[in-house]
Amino acid sequence: MSTRKKMIIVCVIIIVIVITTGMIFGSKKDNEKPDVKIPILLYHNFVTTVPESDPDNFNYINTPQSFEENVKTLIENGYTIMSIKELALANSGKMKLPDKPILITFDDGYYSNYEYIYPILQKYQVKTSISIVTDKIGQEINGIKYLGWEECLEMQNSGLVEICSHSKKHVFYDKRSVRELRDDVKESYKQIEEHLGKQELKVFAYPYGAYTAETVRTLKNTGIDFQIYDIGMNYFKNLDKNAIKRINIPCEMTGKEIIEEIEAYK
């Protein structure tokens, strides 16, 4: 074989190696998830008049006016409010994550979420999730009214609200048997699906954030897609669907203060 032919073959081999290497590393880079914060805000009950004192130090009540200010401020500062379903799609590579994603959630299933907050969600076309305690549906307990199935269905059908499980009984499940937790969560979703139809995505928010490694493992193995139980920040690059964190929003915390807290996480 002539020297010229040998040089051509060597050049071709080098080109193939360069192209193949670029494809491998380029593919790896494309598949990497961006290192983006995913803050998830947590609200509870809403009142039109803030009382002078509160047994929970104003951590679990808020006002509709404050909530609307929060939503407006977040949108004006470039945040995209997304649903848990959209987060799941982004996590599996089926949709692009917004540059500044944020989620809004509500716990317990208070009627005030429908009465005061649902109109605001409609006004701004904001998606949220409400984690309900199924034993409290349609009840009024200690003067506090909870959602009924009719309101849950209406909000779900709007496409703006996901209804999730906050358990059947709302107790400290880290102090109960894993079997009881498993059965309660199964029963809560059985009731949800009986009234609201099949739920493709199943999310469980632990009451009081009370969990154990065993409860997390058990629910993961019984079909719960997302488990929420901690306070803090989520990062898309290493998002753990079984260890979702949230930021609790106390009474009348401003949108600017929320953004400052988000930015404080490194």
Protein backbone atom coordinates (compact mmCIF):
# COMPACT_ATOMS: atom_id res chain seq x y z
CA MET A 1 0.00 0.00 0.00
CA SER A 2 1.32 3.40 -0.96
CA THR A 3 2.20 6.03 1.60
CA ARG A 4 -0.53 8.29 0.17
CA LYS A 5 -3.24 5.64 0.71
CA LYS A 6 -2.00 5.01 4.26
CA MET A 7 -2.23 8.73 5.07
CA ILE A 8 -5.79 8.90 3.69
CA ILE A 9 -6.85 5.91 5.81
CA VAL A 10 -5.28 7.44 8.95
CA CYS A 11 -7.05 10.77 8.28
CA VAL A 12 -10.39 9.02 7.81
CA ILE A 13 -9.93 7.10 11.08
CA ILE A 14 -9.09 10.32 12.97
CA ILE A 15 -12.14 12.09 11.54
CA VAL A 16 -14.41 9.18 12.53
CA ILE A 17 -12.97 9.19 16.07
CA VAL A 18 -13.45 12.97 16.41
CA ILE A 19 -17.05 12.83 15.14
CA THR A 20 -17.93 9.82 17.33
CA THR A 21 -16.39 11.41 20.42
CA GLY A 22 -18.27 14.64 19.78
CA MET A 23 -21.53 12.74 19.40
CA ILE A 24 -20.97 10.87 22.67
CA PHE A 25 -20.07 13.93 24.72
CA GLY A 26 -22.62 16.12 22.99
CA SER A 27 -25.35 13.58 23.71
CA LYS A 28 -24.32 13.41 27.35
CA LYS A 29 -24.40 17.20 27.65
CA ASP A 30 -27.84 17.42 26.02
CA ASN A 31 -29.21 14.84 28.45
CA GLU A 32 -27.94 16.61 31.55
CA LYS A 33 -30.61 18.42 33.54
CA PRO A 34 -29.93 22.11 34.20
CA ASP A 35 -28.93 23.16 37.70
CA VAL A 36 -32.12 25.17 38.30
CA LYS A 37 -33.87 25.85 41.61
CA ILE A 38 -37.44 24.61 41.88
CA PRO A 39 -39.10 26.41 44.79
CA ILE A 40 -42.44 25.02 45.95
CA LEU A 41 -44.58 27.34 48.07
CA LEU A 42 -46.92 26.02 50.75
CA TYR A 43 -50.12 27.74 51.91
CA HIS A 44 -52.89 26.53 54.19
CA ASN A 45 -56.07 28.34 55.28
CA PHE A 46 -57.21 31.85 54.28
CA VAL A 47 -59.04 34.52 56.22
CA THR A 48 -60.29 37.95 55.20
CA THR A 49 -59.40 39.50 58.55
CA VAL A 50 -56.19 38.60 60.38
CA PRO A 51 -56.89 37.90 64.09
CA GLU A 52 -54.95 39.69 66.80
CA SER A 53 -53.46 36.42 68.03
CA ASP A 54 -52.95 32.97 66.58
CA PRO A 55 -52.02 29.67 68.34
CA ASP A 56 -49.78 28.69 65.40
CA ASN A 57 -47.94 32.02 65.29
CA PHE A 58 -49.64 32.97 61.97
CA ASN A 59 -47.79 30.21 60.09
CA TYR A 60 -50.86 28.47 58.68
CA ILE A 61 -53.21 31.31 57.78
CA ASN A 62 -53.00 33.96 55.11
CA THR A 63 -55.17 36.50 53.35
CA PRO A 64 -56.51 36.39 49.77
CA GLN A 65 -55.06 39.86 49.17
CA SER A 66 -51.60 38.73 50.23
CA PHE A 67 -51.83 35.61 48.06
CA GLU A 68 -52.79 37.67 45.00
CA GLU A 69 -49.88 40.03 45.67
CA ASN A 70 -47.55 37.02 45.87
CA VAL A 71 -48.76 35.63 42.54
CA LYS A 72 -48.57 39.01 40.81
CA THR A 73 -45.07 39.73 42.09
CA LEU A 74 -43.75 36.31 41.09
CA ILE A 75 -45.15 36.62 37.56
CA GLU A 76 -43.83 40.17 37.18
CA ASN A 77 -40.37 38.92 38.19
CA GLY A 78 -40.27 36.28 35.48
CA TYR A 79 -41.36 33.20 37.40
CA THR A 80 -43.42 30.56 35.60
CA ILE A 81 -45.93 28.93 37.94
CA MET A 82 -46.22 25.28 36.94
CA SER A 83 -48.09 22.19 38.11
CA ILE A 84 -46.69 19.02 39.65
CA LYS A 85 -47.72 17.18 36.48
CA GLU A 86 -45.64 19.60 34.40
CA LEU A 87 -42.71 19.13 36.78
CA ALA A 88 -43.03 15.36 36.30
CA LEU A 89 -43.02 15.81 32.50
CA ALA A 90 -39.95 18.06 32.66
CA ASN A 91 -38.19 15.61 34.98
CA SER A 92 -38.75 12.80 32.49
CA GLY A 93 -37.55 14.93 29.57
CA LYS A 94 -40.99 15.26 27.96
CA MET A 95 -41.16 19.05 28.26
CA LYS A 96 -38.72 21.90 28.72
CA LEU A 97 -38.33 23.33 32.18
CA PRO A 98 -38.96 27.11 32.35
CA ASP A 99 -35.98 29.30 33.21
CA LYS A 100 -37.53 30.34 36.55
CA PRO A 101 -39.99 27.62 37.59
CA ILE A 102 -42.05 27.75 40.77
CA LEU A 103 -44.91 25.67 42.18
CA ILE A 104 -47.73 26.66 44.53
CA THR A 105 -49.37 24.11 46.83
CA PHE A 106 -52.03 24.07 49.53
CA ASP A 107 -52.42 21.60 52.39
CA ASP A 108 -55.44 20.25 54.28
CA GLY A 109 -58.23 21.14 51.83
CA TYR A 110 -59.84 24.19 53.41
CA TYR A 111 -63.02 25.58 51.84
CA SER A 112 -61.29 28.98 51.78
CA ASN A 113 -59.06 27.64 48.99
CA TYR A 114 -62.18 27.44 46.82
CA GLU A 115 -63.99 30.50 48.13
CA TYR A 116 -61.10 32.99 48.03
CA ILE A 117 -58.20 31.47 46.11
CA TYR A 118 -59.80 29.67 43.17
CA PRO A 119 -61.07 32.98 41.67
CA ILE A 120 -57.50 34.33 41.85
CA LEU A 121 -56.18 31.20 40.12
CA GLN A 122 -58.74 31.74 37.37
CA LYS A 123 -57.87 35.43 37.06
CA TYR A 124 -54.16 34.75 36.53
CA GLN A 125 -54.56 31.26 35.02
CA VAL A 126 -52.26 29.86 37.68
CA LYS A 127 -51.88 26.12 38.24
CA THR A 128 -51.68 24.71 41.75
CA SER A 129 -52.24 21.56 43.78
CA ILE A 130 -54.35 21.02 46.88
CA SER A 131 -53.53 18.09 49.17
CA ILE A 132 -56.74 17.05 50.94
CA VAL A 133 -57.47 15.05 54.09
CA THR A 134 -60.23 12.78 52.84
CA ASP A 135 -61.83 12.20 56.28
CA LYS A 136 -62.41 15.98 56.51
CA ILE A 137 -64.06 16.41 53.11
CA GLY A 138 -67.42 18.15 53.48
CA GLN A 139 -66.90 18.66 57.23
CA GLU A 140 -66.88 21.70 59.48
CA ILE A 141 -64.50 21.17 62.40
CA ASN A 142 -64.05 23.70 65.21
CA GLY A 143 -65.70 26.32 63.06
CA ILE A 144 -63.41 25.67 60.07
CA LYS A 145 -65.04 24.50 56.86
CA TYR A 146 -63.38 22.02 54.49
CA LEU A 147 -63.82 21.41 50.78
CA GLY A 148 -66.54 19.14 49.47
CA TRP A 149 -66.11 16.75 46.55
CA GLU A 150 -68.18 19.07 44.36
CA GLU A 151 -65.71 21.93 44.78
CA CYS A 152 -62.76 19.57 44.28
CA LEU A 153 -64.25 18.29 41.01
CA GLU A 154 -64.99 21.78 39.72
CA MET A 155 -61.45 22.97 40.40
CA GLN A 156 -59.89 19.83 38.95
CA ASN A 157 -62.00 20.09 35.79
CA SER A 158 -60.81 23.65 35.27
CA GLY A 159 -57.33 22.28 34.55
CA LEU A 160 -55.86 24.66 37.12
CA VAL A 161 -55.96 22.51 40.26
CA GLU A 162 -54.52 19.07 40.96
CA ILE A 163 -56.09 17.25 43.90
CA CYS A 164 -53.55 15.22 45.87
CA SER A 165 -53.54 13.20 49.08
CA HIS A 166 -52.69 14.61 52.50
CA SER A 167 -53.78 11.28 54.04
CA LYS A 168 -57.07 9.95 55.33
CA LYS A 169 -56.71 10.92 59.01
CA HIS A 170 -54.00 13.63 59.25
CA VAL A 171 -51.93 12.12 62.06
CA PHE A 172 -48.20 11.76 62.77
CA TYR A 173 -47.48 8.78 60.55
CA ASP A 174 -43.91 8.51 61.76
CA LYS A 175 -45.42 7.30 65.04
CA ARG A 176 -47.82 4.80 63.43
CA SER A 177 -47.14 1.50 61.73
CA VAL A 178 -46.06 1.58 58.11
CA ARG A 179 -49.03 -0.66 57.32
CA GLU A 180 -51.42 1.98 58.70
CA LEU A 181 -49.82 4.70 56.58
CA ARG A 182 -49.91 2.54 53.48
CA ASP A 183 -53.56 1.62 54.02
CA ASP A 184 -54.56 5.22 54.78
CA VAL A 185 -52.88 6.57 51.65
CA LYS A 186 -54.44 3.83 49.53
CA GLU A 187 -57.86 4.56 51.00
CA SER A 188 -57.46 8.30 50.47
CA TYR A 189 -56.68 7.78 46.78
CA LYS A 190 -59.50 5.27 46.47
CA GLN A 191 -61.91 7.97 47.66
CA ILE A 192 -60.31 10.61 45.44
CA GLU A 193 -60.68 8.41 42.37
CA GLU A 194 -64.25 7.44 43.25
CA HIS A 195 -65.24 11.12 43.25
CA LEU A 196 -62.79 12.72 40.83
CA GLY A 197 -61.84 9.94 38.42
CA LYS A 198 -58.57 8.14 37.70
CA GLN A 199 -55.47 10.01 38.88
CA GLU A 200 -52.49 9.40 36.60
CA LEU A 201 -50.08 11.12 38.96
CA LYS A 202 -50.22 10.29 42.67
CA VAL A 203 -48.73 12.76 45.12
CA PHE A 204 -48.63 12.42 48.91
CA ALA A 205 -47.88 15.30 51.27
CA TYR A 206 -47.04 14.01 54.76
CA PRO A 207 -49.07 15.62 57.58
CA TYR A 208 -46.69 17.63 59.79
CA GLY A 209 -43.85 16.53 57.50
CA ALA A 210 -43.61 13.43 59.70
CA TYR A 211 -41.91 10.58 57.85
CA THR A 212 -39.32 7.83 58.22
CA ALA A 213 -37.03 6.12 55.72
CA GLU A 214 -39.36 3.12 55.93
CA THR A 215 -42.50 5.13 55.14
CA VAL A 216 -40.78 6.70 52.13
CA ARG A 217 -39.66 3.30 50.84
CA THR A 218 -43.11 1.79 51.39
CA LEU A 219 -45.02 4.52 49.53
CA LYS A 220 -42.53 4.47 46.68
CA ASN A 221 -43.17 0.74 46.30
CA THR A 222 -46.95 1.18 46.40
CA GLY A 223 -47.20 3.58 43.47
CA ILE A 224 -46.86 7.07 44.96
CA ASP A 225 -45.05 9.20 42.35
CA PHE A 226 -44.08 12.20 44.49
CA GLN A 227 -43.60 12.36 48.27
CA ILE A 228 -43.53 15.77 49.95
CA TYR A 229 -42.31 16.05 53.53
CA ASP A 230 -39.56 18.57 54.12
CA ILE A 231 -38.83 22.29 54.26
CA GLY A 232 -36.21 23.62 51.86
CA MET A 233 -35.28 23.97 48.21
CA ASN A 234 -35.40 21.49 45.31
CA TYR A 235 -32.79 21.43 42.54
CA PHE A 236 -33.77 20.10 39.13
CA LYS A 237 -30.36 18.57 38.41
CA ASN A 238 -30.72 16.02 41.22
CA LEU A 239 -34.47 16.15 41.85
CA ASP A 240 -35.62 13.34 44.14
CA LYS A 241 -39.34 12.67 43.62
CA ASN A 242 -39.45 10.90 46.98
CA ALA A 243 -37.99 13.81 48.93
CA ILE A 244 -39.74 16.95 47.71
CA LYS A 245 -39.25 20.10 49.79
CA ARG A 246 -41.38 23.23 50.20
CA ILE A 247 -41.21 26.74 51.63
CA ASN A 248 -44.03 27.53 54.06
CA ILE A 249 -45.54 30.98 53.52
CA PRO A 250 -46.64 32.61 56.80
CA CYS A 251 -49.35 35.25 57.06
CA GLU A 252 -48.87 38.22 54.72
CA MET A 253 -45.34 37.39 53.63
CA THR A 254 -44.75 39.59 50.58
CA GLY A 255 -43.77 38.46 47.11
CA LYS A 256 -40.48 40.33 47.45
CA GLU A 257 -39.73 38.48 50.68
CA ILE A 258 -40.52 35.16 48.98
CA ILE A 259 -38.09 35.96 46.15
CA GLU A 260 -35.41 36.98 48.66
CA GLU A 261 -35.82 33.67 50.48
CA ILE A 262 -35.59 31.74 47.20
CA GLU A 263 -32.43 33.62 46.21
CA ALA A 264 -30.87 32.94 49.64
CA TYR A 265 -30.68 29.22 48.81
CA LYS A 266 -27.37 28.41 47.14
